[in-house]
Amino acid sequence: MSTNPADRESRIAHQVDIIADVGFGKFLKLLHTVSQRGIISLGVGEPDFNTPWHICEAALAAMRAGQTGYTPTNGFPELRQAVAEDLE
């Protein structure tokens, strides 16, 4: 086995490349390709713009009110209804 640091770094980089092609890494690569086509992914939660300040303030108010848990998996019924109505 080589003791050359460059060889070791090359082996590590190769292992990282292998890991990146598995599971979530593969998903992230797919998301990157669709974003290049102008498709907006809502899956990862990292938009390419800053959050508007009024939304930051609303989030802070919700946290101060103790609303710090996850939302229901299928969403809030009121929000789902509002979105459905808007899409109609």
PDB file of N, CA and C in Angstrom:
ATOM      1  N   MET A   1       0.849  -1.179   0.000  1.00  0.00           N
ATOM      2  CA  MET A   1       0.000   0.000   0.000  1.00  0.00           C
ATOM      3  C   MET A   1       0.895   1.243   0.000  1.00  0.00           C
ATOM      4  N   SER A   2       0.531   2.214  -0.795  1.00  0.00           N
ATOM      5  CA  SER A   2       1.310   3.439  -0.919  1.00  0.00           C
ATOM      6  C   SER A   2       1.116   4.334   0.304  1.00  0.00           C
ATOM      7  N   THR A   3       2.192   5.004   0.698  1.00  0.00           N
ATOM      8  CA  THR A   3       2.105   5.973   1.802  1.00  0.00           C
ATOM      9  C   THR A   3       2.054   7.401   1.281  1.00  0.00           C
ATOM     10  N   ASN A   4       1.994   7.547  -0.026  1.00  0.00           N
ATOM     11  CA  ASN A   4       1.932   8.860  -0.656  1.00  0.00           C
ATOM     12  C   ASN A   4       0.578   9.510  -0.321  1.00  0.00           C
ATOM     13  N   PRO A   5       0.600  10.722   0.298  1.00  0.00           N
ATOM     14  CA  PRO A   5      -0.667  11.395   0.648  1.00  0.00           C
ATOM     15  C   PRO A   5      -1.576  11.614  -0.557  1.00  0.00           C
ATOM     16  N   ALA A   6      -1.013  11.868  -1.722  1.00  0.00           N
ATOM     17  CA  ALA A   6      -1.839  12.086  -2.917  1.00  0.00           C
ATOM     18  C   ALA A   6      -2.585  10.817  -3.287  1.00  0.00           C
ATOM     19  N   ASP A   7      -1.947   9.660  -3.133  1.00  0.00           N
ATOM     20  CA  ASP A   7      -2.618   8.391  -3.415  1.00  0.00           C
ATOM     21  C   ASP A   7      -3.771   8.173  -2.441  1.00  0.00           C
ATOM     22  N   ARG A   8      -3.527   8.482  -1.177  1.00  0.00           N
ATOM     23  CA  ARG A   8      -4.566   8.323  -0.158  1.00  0.00           C
ATOM     24  C   ARG A   8      -5.745   9.236  -0.462  1.00  0.00           C
ATOM     25  N   GLU A   9      -5.473  10.482  -0.808  1.00  0.00           N
ATOM     26  CA  GLU A   9      -6.541  11.426  -1.136  1.00  0.00           C
ATOM     27  C   GLU A   9      -7.326  10.964  -2.352  1.00  0.00           C
ATOM     28  N   SER A  10      -6.631  10.387  -3.324  1.00  0.00           N
ATOM     29  CA  SER A  10      -7.291   9.876  -4.518  1.00  0.00           C
ATOM     30  C   SER A  10      -8.222   8.717  -4.171  1.00  0.00           C
ATOM     31  N   ARG A  11      -7.781   7.830  -3.273  1.00  0.00           N
ATOM     32  CA  ARG A  11      -8.621   6.701  -2.844  1.00  0.00           C
ATOM     33  C   ARG A  11      -9.850   7.214  -2.089  1.00  0.00           C
ATOM     34  N   ILE A  12      -9.646   8.193  -1.220  1.00  0.00           N
ATOM     35  CA  ILE A  12     -10.768   8.764  -0.467  1.00  0.00           C
ATOM     36  C   ILE A  12     -11.756   9.426  -1.423  1.00  0.00           C
ATOM     37  N   ALA A  13     -11.247  10.196  -2.383  1.00  0.00           N
ATOM     38  CA  ALA A  13     -12.115  10.870  -3.346  1.00  0.00           C
ATOM     39  C   ALA A  13     -12.926   9.842  -4.127  1.00  0.00           C
ATOM     40  N   HIS A  14     -12.282   8.724  -4.484  1.00  0.00           N
ATOM     41  CA  HIS A  14     -12.980   7.668  -5.216  1.00  0.00           C
ATOM     42  C   HIS A  14     -14.106   7.090  -4.359  1.00  0.00           C
ATOM     43  N   GLN A  15     -13.850   6.855  -3.074  1.00  0.00           N
ATOM     44  CA  GLN A  15     -14.874   6.319  -2.175  1.00  0.00           C
ATOM     45  C   GLN A  15     -16.036   7.297  -2.027  1.00  0.00           C
ATOM     46  N   VAL A  16     -15.733   8.581  -1.943  1.00  0.00           N
ATOM     47  CA  VAL A  16     -16.784   9.598  -1.841  1.00  0.00           C
ATOM     48  C   VAL A  16     -17.632   9.587  -3.108  1.00  0.00           C
ATOM     49  N   ASP A  17     -17.002   9.449  -4.274  1.00  0.00           N
ATOM     50  CA  ASP A  17     -17.747   9.375  -5.529  1.00  0.00           C
ATOM     51  C   ASP A  17     -18.698   8.180  -5.534  1.00  0.00           C
ATOM     52  N   ILE A  18     -18.242   7.057  -5.011  1.00  0.00           N
ATOM     53  CA  ILE A  18     -19.087   5.865  -4.951  1.00  0.00           C
ATOM     54  C   ILE A  18     -20.289   6.128  -4.055  1.00  0.00           C
ATOM     55  N   ILE A  19     -20.053   6.721  -2.895  1.00  0.00           N
ATOM     56  CA  ILE A  19     -21.141   7.012  -1.953  1.00  0.00           C
ATOM     57  C   ILE A  19     -22.135   7.986  -2.580  1.00  0.00           C
ATOM     58  N   ALA A  20     -21.646   8.960  -3.323  1.00  0.00           N
ATOM     59  CA  ALA A  20     -22.520   9.966  -3.926  1.00  0.00           C
ATOM     60  C   ALA A  20     -23.473   9.355  -4.942  1.00  0.00           C
ATOM     61  N   ASP A  21     -23.149   8.172  -5.468  1.00  0.00           N
ATOM     62  CA  ASP A  21     -24.010   7.521  -6.448  1.00  0.00           C
ATOM     63  C   ASP A  21     -25.005   6.558  -5.812  1.00  0.00           C
ATOM     64  N   VAL A  22     -25.153   6.615  -4.493  1.00  0.00           N
ATOM     65  CA  VAL A  22     -26.056   5.713  -3.784  1.00  0.00           C
ATOM     66  C   VAL A  22     -27.136   6.532  -3.079  1.00  0.00           C
ATOM     67  N   GLY A  23     -28.342   6.007  -3.027  1.00  0.00           N
ATOM     68  CA  GLY A  23     -29.420   6.574  -2.231  1.00  0.00           C
ATOM     69  C   GLY A  23     -29.673   8.047  -2.437  1.00  0.00           C
ATOM     70  N   PHE A  24     -29.563   8.798  -1.345  1.00  0.00           N
ATOM     71  CA  PHE A  24     -29.903  10.215  -1.374  1.00  0.00           C
ATOM     72  C   PHE A  24     -28.989  11.002  -2.299  1.00  0.00           C
ATOM     73  N   GLY A  25     -27.723  10.587  -2.402  1.00  0.00           N
ATOM     74  CA  GLY A  25     -26.800  11.259  -3.318  1.00  0.00           C
ATOM     75  C   GLY A  25     -27.296  11.195  -4.756  1.00  0.00           C
ATOM     76  N   LYS A  26     -27.830  10.040  -5.135  1.00  0.00           N
ATOM     77  CA  LYS A  26     -28.378   9.867  -6.482  1.00  0.00           C
ATOM     78  C   LYS A  26     -29.590  10.783  -6.675  1.00  0.00           C
ATOM     79  N   PHE A  27     -30.408  10.881  -5.638  1.00  0.00           N
ATOM     80  CA  PHE A  27     -31.579  11.757  -5.673  1.00  0.00           C
ATOM     81  C   PHE A  27     -31.151  13.212  -5.856  1.00  0.00           C
ATOM     82  N   LEU A  28     -30.125  13.645  -5.112  1.00  0.00           N
ATOM     83  CA  LEU A  28     -29.661  15.030  -5.228  1.00  0.00           C
ATOM     84  C   LEU A  28     -29.116  15.321  -6.621  1.00  0.00           C
ATOM     85  N   LYS A  29     -28.419  14.351  -7.216  1.00  0.00           N
ATOM     86  CA  LYS A  29     -27.925  14.538  -8.587  1.00  0.00           C
ATOM     87  C   LYS A  29     -29.092  14.731  -9.551  1.00  0.00           C
ATOM     88  N   LEU A  30     -30.144  13.939  -9.378  1.00  0.00           N
ATOM     89  CA  LEU A  30     -31.332  14.067 -10.224  1.00  0.00           C
ATOM     90  C   LEU A  30     -31.956  15.446 -10.054  1.00  0.00           C
ATOM     91  N   LEU A  31     -32.076  15.909  -8.818  1.00  0.00           N
ATOM     92  CA  LEU A  31     -32.639  17.237  -8.573  1.00  0.00           C
ATOM     93  C   LEU A  31     -31.826  18.318  -9.268  1.00  0.00           C
ATOM     94  N   HIS A  32     -30.516  18.169  -9.250  1.00  0.00           N
ATOM     95  CA  HIS A  32     -29.661  19.158  -9.900  1.00  0.00           C
ATOM     96  C   HIS A  32     -29.939  19.204 -11.405  1.00  0.00           C
ATOM     97  N   THR A  33     -30.142  18.046 -12.022  1.00  0.00           N
ATOM     98  CA  THR A  33     -30.393  18.042 -13.465  1.00  0.00           C
ATOM     99  C   THR A  33     -31.747  18.653 -13.805  1.00  0.00           C
ATOM    100  N   VAL A  34     -32.766  18.416 -12.966  1.00  0.00           N
ATOM    101  CA  VAL A  34     -34.071  18.999 -13.283  1.00  0.00           C
ATOM    102  C   VAL A  34     -34.071  20.507 -13.057  1.00  0.00           C
ATOM    103  N   SER A  35     -33.317  20.985 -12.087  1.00  0.00           N
ATOM    104  CA  SER A  35     -33.267  22.433 -11.858  1.00  0.00           C
ATOM    105  C   SER A  35     -32.589  23.141 -13.028  1.00  0.00           C
ATOM    106  N   GLN A  36     -31.682  22.453 -13.706  1.00  0.00           N
ATOM    107  CA  GLN A  36     -31.034  23.044 -14.879  1.00  0.00           C
ATOM    108  C   GLN A  36     -32.019  23.185 -16.039  1.00  0.00           C
ATOM    109  N   ARG A  37     -33.111  22.436 -15.995  1.00  0.00           N
ATOM    110  CA  ARG A  37     -34.128  22.503 -17.043  1.00  0.00           C
ATOM    111  C   ARG A  37     -35.244  23.479 -16.694  1.00  0.00           C
ATOM    112  N   GLY A  38     -35.094  24.208 -15.577  1.00  0.00           N
ATOM    113  CA  GLY A  38     -36.091  25.192 -15.192  1.00  0.00           C
ATOM    114  C   GLY A  38     -37.223  24.632 -14.357  1.00  0.00           C
ATOM    115  N   ILE A  39     -37.085  23.383 -13.904  1.00  0.00           N
ATOM    116  CA  ILE A  39     -38.105  22.774 -13.053  1.00  0.00           C
ATOM    117  C   ILE A  39     -37.762  23.109 -11.610  1.00  0.00           C
ATOM    118  N   ILE A  40     -38.719  23.538 -10.839  1.00  0.00           N
ATOM    119  CA  ILE A  40     -38.490  23.883  -9.444  1.00  0.00           C
ATOM    120  C   ILE A  40     -38.813  22.688  -8.570  1.00  0.00           C
ATOM    121  N   SER A  41     -37.837  22.221  -7.844  1.00  0.00           N
ATOM    122  CA  SER A  41     -38.046  21.111  -6.925  1.00  0.00           C
ATOM    123  C   SER A  41     -38.461  21.653  -5.565  1.00  0.00           C
ATOM    124  N   LEU A  42     -39.480  21.063  -4.998  1.00  0.00           N
ATOM    125  CA  LEU A  42     -39.918  21.436  -3.660  1.00  0.00           C
ATOM    126  C   LEU A  42     -39.477  20.401  -2.643  1.00  0.00           C
ATOM    127  N   GLY A  43     -38.634  19.457  -3.062  1.00  0.00           N
ATOM    128  CA  GLY A  43     -38.260  18.342  -2.203  1.00  0.00           C
ATOM    129  C   GLY A  43     -37.168  18.620  -1.206  1.00  0.00           C
ATOM    130  N   VAL A  44     -36.175  19.372  -1.561  1.00  0.00           N
ATOM    131  CA  VAL A  44     -35.023  19.545  -0.691  1.00  0.00           C
ATOM    132  C   VAL A  44     -35.204  20.725   0.254  1.00  0.00           C
ATOM    133  N   GLY A  45     -35.947  21.709  -0.129  1.00  0.00           N
ATOM    134  CA  GLY A  45     -36.214  22.839   0.742  1.00  0.00           C
ATOM    135  C   GLY A  45     -35.137  23.901   0.755  1.00  0.00           C
ATOM    136  N   GLU A  46     -34.366  24.002  -0.310  1.00  0.00           N
ATOM    137  CA  GLU A  46     -33.331  25.030  -0.400  1.00  0.00           C
ATOM    138  C   GLU A  46     -33.553  25.860  -1.653  1.00  0.00           C
ATOM    139  N   PRO A  47     -34.374  26.908  -1.558  1.00  0.00           N
ATOM    140  CA  PRO A  47     -34.615  27.739  -2.738  1.00  0.00           C
ATOM    141  C   PRO A  47     -33.367  28.534  -3.122  1.00  0.00           C
ATOM    142  N   ASP A  48     -33.389  29.044  -4.335  1.00  0.00           N
ATOM    143  CA  ASP A  48     -32.245  29.823  -4.815  1.00  0.00           C
ATOM    144  C   ASP A  48     -32.476  31.323  -4.633  1.00  0.00           C
ATOM    145  N   PHE A  49     -33.302  31.684  -3.661  1.00  0.00           N
ATOM    146  CA  PHE A  49     -33.557  33.096  -3.350  1.00  0.00           C
ATOM    147  C   PHE A  49     -33.714  33.222  -1.839  1.00  0.00           C
ATOM    148  N   ASN A  50     -33.535  34.436  -1.331  1.00  0.00           N
ATOM    149  CA  ASN A  50     -33.679  34.678   0.108  1.00  0.00           C
ATOM    150  C   ASN A  50     -35.156  34.632   0.503  1.00  0.00           C
ATOM    151  N   THR A  51     -35.401  34.171   1.708  1.00  0.00           N
ATOM    152  CA  THR A  51     -36.762  34.138   2.235  1.00  0.00           C
ATOM    153  C   THR A  51     -37.229  35.567   2.485  1.00  0.00           C
ATOM    154  N   PRO A  52     -38.426  35.933   1.979  1.00  0.00           N
ATOM    155  CA  PRO A  52     -38.941  37.281   2.227  1.00  0.00           C
ATOM    156  C   PRO A  52     -39.048  37.551   3.733  1.00  0.00           C
ATOM    157  N   TRP A  53     -38.773  38.784   4.125  1.00  0.00           N
ATOM    158  CA  TRP A  53     -38.686  39.123   5.540  1.00  0.00           C
ATOM    159  C   TRP A  53     -39.992  38.875   6.292  1.00  0.00           C
ATOM    160  N   HIS A  54     -41.139  39.131   5.678  1.00  0.00           N
ATOM    161  CA  HIS A  54     -42.408  38.917   6.381  1.00  0.00           C
ATOM    162  C   HIS A  54     -42.603  37.441   6.733  1.00  0.00           C
ATOM    163  N   ILE A  55     -42.044  36.557   5.949  1.00  0.00           N
ATOM    164  CA  ILE A  55     -42.121  35.128   6.257  1.00  0.00           C
ATOM    165  C   ILE A  55     -41.190  34.796   7.423  1.00  0.00           C
ATOM    166  N   CYS A  56     -40.008  35.405   7.447  1.00  0.00           N
ATOM    167  CA  CYS A  56     -39.089  35.216   8.580  1.00  0.00           C
ATOM    168  C   CYS A  56     -39.738  35.678   9.875  1.00  0.00           C
ATOM    169  N   GLU A  57     -40.411  36.824   9.822  1.00  0.00           N
ATOM    170  CA  GLU A  57     -41.069  37.353  11.017  1.00  0.00           C
ATOM    171  C   GLU A  57     -42.193  36.418  11.480  1.00  0.00           C
ATOM    172  N   ALA A  58     -42.960  35.884  10.526  1.00  0.00           N
ATOM    173  CA  ALA A  58     -44.040  34.959  10.876  1.00  0.00           C
ATOM    174  C   ALA A  58     -43.464  33.678  11.486  1.00  0.00           C
ATOM    175  N   ALA A  59     -42.353  33.202  10.948  1.00  0.00           N
ATOM    176  CA  ALA A  59     -41.716  31.996  11.499  1.00  0.00           C
ATOM    177  C   ALA A  59     -41.234  32.256  12.922  1.00  0.00           C
ATOM    178  N   LEU A  60     -40.648  33.415  13.150  1.00  0.00           N
ATOM    179  CA  LEU A  60     -40.176  33.769  14.492  1.00  0.00           C
ATOM    180  C   LEU A  60     -41.341  33.843  15.476  1.00  0.00           C
ATOM    181  N   ALA A  61     -42.442  34.443  15.053  1.00  0.00           N
ATOM    182  CA  ALA A  61     -43.623  34.527  15.914  1.00  0.00           C
ATOM    183  C   ALA A  61     -44.152  33.133  16.242  1.00  0.00           C
ATOM    184  N   ALA A  62     -44.163  32.246  15.257  1.00  0.00           N
ATOM    185  CA  ALA A  62     -44.632  30.871  15.489  1.00  0.00           C
ATOM    186  C   ALA A  62     -43.707  30.146  16.464  1.00  0.00           C
ATOM    187  N   MET A  63     -42.406  30.342  16.335  1.00  0.00           N
ATOM    188  CA  MET A  63     -41.464  29.696  17.256  1.00  0.00           C
ATOM    189  C   MET A  63     -41.655  30.224  18.672  1.00  0.00           C
ATOM    190  N   ARG A  64     -41.860  31.531  18.794  1.00  0.00           N
ATOM    191  CA  ARG A  64     -42.100  32.109  20.125  1.00  0.00           C
ATOM    192  C   ARG A  64     -43.386  31.565  20.752  1.00  0.00           C
ATOM    193  N   ALA A  65     -44.336  31.182  19.906  1.00  0.00           N
ATOM    194  CA  ALA A  65     -45.605  30.625  20.388  1.00  0.00           C
ATOM    195  C   ALA A  65     -45.501  29.123  20.658  1.00  0.00           C
ATOM    196  N   GLY A  66     -44.302  28.571  20.477  1.00  0.00           N
ATOM    197  CA  GLY A  66     -44.091  27.156  20.771  1.00  0.00           C
ATOM    198  C   GLY A  66     -44.405  26.212  19.628  1.00  0.00           C
ATOM    199  N   GLN A  67     -44.628  26.750  18.449  1.00  0.00           N
ATOM    200  CA  GLN A  67     -44.926  25.906  17.285  1.00  0.00           C
ATOM    201  C   GLN A  67     -43.607  25.495  16.623  1.00  0.00           C
ATOM    202  N   THR A  68     -42.940  24.522  17.220  1.00  0.00           N
ATOM    203  CA  THR A  68     -41.609  24.139  16.744  1.00  0.00           C
ATOM    204  C   THR A  68     -41.532  22.696  16.266  1.00  0.00           C
ATOM    205  N   GLY A  69     -42.659  21.983  16.221  1.00  0.00           N
ATOM    206  CA  GLY A  69     -42.646  20.591  15.782  1.00  0.00           C
ATOM    207  C   GLY A  69     -42.844  20.475  14.281  1.00  0.00           C
ATOM    208  N   TYR A  70     -42.765  19.246  13.811  1.00  0.00           N
ATOM    209  CA  TYR A  70     -43.017  18.981  12.396  1.00  0.00           C
ATOM    210  C   TYR A  70     -44.508  19.089  12.109  1.00  0.00           C
ATOM    211  N   THR A  71     -44.828  19.415  10.880  1.00  0.00           N
ATOM    212  CA  THR A  71     -46.217  19.426  10.450  1.00  0.00           C
ATOM    213  C   THR A  71     -46.676  17.987  10.227  1.00  0.00           C
ATOM    214  N   PRO A  72     -47.987  17.756  10.152  1.00  0.00           N
ATOM    215  CA  PRO A  72     -48.457  16.402   9.836  1.00  0.00           C
ATOM    216  C   PRO A  72     -47.891  15.965   8.481  1.00  0.00           C
ATOM    217  N   THR A  73     -47.619  14.692   8.333  1.00  0.00           N
ATOM    218  CA  THR A  73     -47.022  14.177   7.101  1.00  0.00           C
ATOM    219  C   THR A  73     -47.835  14.543   5.870  1.00  0.00           C
ATOM    220  N   ASN A  74     -49.144  14.458   5.976  1.00  0.00           N
ATOM    221  CA  ASN A  74     -49.982  14.778   4.817  1.00  0.00           C
ATOM    222  C   ASN A  74     -50.423  16.239   4.788  1.00  0.00           C
ATOM    223  N   GLY A  75     -49.859  17.067   5.658  1.00  0.00           N
ATOM    224  CA  GLY A  75     -50.144  18.498   5.643  1.00  0.00           C
ATOM    225  C   GLY A  75     -51.340  18.869   6.492  1.00  0.00           C
ATOM    226  N   PHE A  76     -51.535  20.175   6.661  1.00  0.00           N
ATOM    227  CA  PHE A  76     -52.677  20.685   7.406  1.00  0.00           C
ATOM    228  C   PHE A  76     -53.905  20.667   6.498  1.00  0.00           C
ATOM    229  N   PRO A  77     -55.028  20.138   6.973  1.00  0.00           N
ATOM    230  CA  PRO A  77     -56.226  20.071   6.125  1.00  0.00           C
ATOM    231  C   PRO A  77     -56.644  21.434   5.563  1.00  0.00           C
ATOM    232  N   GLU A  78     -56.549  22.480   6.379  1.00  0.00           N
ATOM    233  CA  GLU A  78     -56.954  23.810   5.913  1.00  0.00           C
ATOM    234  C   GLU A  78     -56.066  24.283   4.761  1.00  0.00           C
ATOM    235  N   LEU A  79     -54.783  24.042   4.875  1.00  0.00           N
ATOM    236  CA  LEU A  79     -53.858  24.454   3.820  1.00  0.00           C
ATOM    237  C   LEU A  79     -54.083  23.625   2.561  1.00  0.00           C
ATOM    238  N   ARG A  80     -54.267  22.331   2.717  1.00  0.00           N
ATOM    239  CA  ARG A  80     -54.518  21.464   1.564  1.00  0.00           C
ATOM    240  C   ARG A  80     -55.779  21.919   0.828  1.00  0.00           C
ATOM    241  N   GLN A  81     -56.822  22.262   1.587  1.00  0.00           N
ATOM    242  CA  GLN A  81     -58.074  22.726   0.980  1.00  0.00           C
ATOM    243  C   GLN A  81     -57.851  24.039   0.221  1.00  0.00           C
ATOM    244  N   ALA A  82     -57.121  24.968   0.833  1.00  0.00           N
ATOM    245  CA  ALA A  82     -56.848  26.262   0.195  1.00  0.00           C
ATOM    246  C   ALA A  82     -56.039  26.081  -1.087  1.00  0.00           C
ATOM    247  N   VAL A  83     -55.070  25.202  -1.064  1.00  0.00           N
ATOM    248  CA  VAL A  83     -54.261  24.949  -2.269  1.00  0.00           C
ATOM    249  C   VAL A  83     -55.134  24.328  -3.353  1.00  0.00           C
ATOM    250  N   ALA A  84     -55.972  23.346  -2.969  1.00  0.00           N
ATOM    251  CA  ALA A  84     -56.858  22.703  -3.939  1.00  0.00           C
ATOM    252  C   ALA A  84     -57.793  23.718  -4.580  1.00  0.00           C
ATOM    253  N   GLU A  85     -58.363  24.611  -3.767  1.00  0.00           N
ATOM    254  CA  GLU A  85     -59.261  25.629  -4.290  1.00  0.00           C
ATOM    255  C   GLU A  85     -58.534  26.582  -5.226  1.00  0.00           C
ATOM    256  N   ASP A  86     -57.315  26.943  -4.872  1.00  0.00           N
ATOM    257  CA  ASP A  86     -56.525  27.852  -5.708  1.00  0.00           C
ATOM    258  C   ASP A  86     -56.187  27.203  -7.049  1.00  0.00           C
ATOM    259  N   LEU A  87     -55.903  25.911  -7.035  1.00  0.00           N
ATOM    260  CA  LEU A  87     -55.545  25.218  -8.276  1.00  0.00           C
ATOM    261  C   LEU A  87     -56.749  25.010  -9.196  1.00  0.00           C
ATOM    262  N   GLU A  88     -57.942  24.959  -8.613  1.00  0.00           N
ATOM    263  CA  GLU A  88     -59.144  24.810  -9.450  1.00  0.00           C
ATOM    264  C   GLU A  88     -59.381  26.073 -10.224  1.00  0.00           C
TER     265      GLU A  88
END
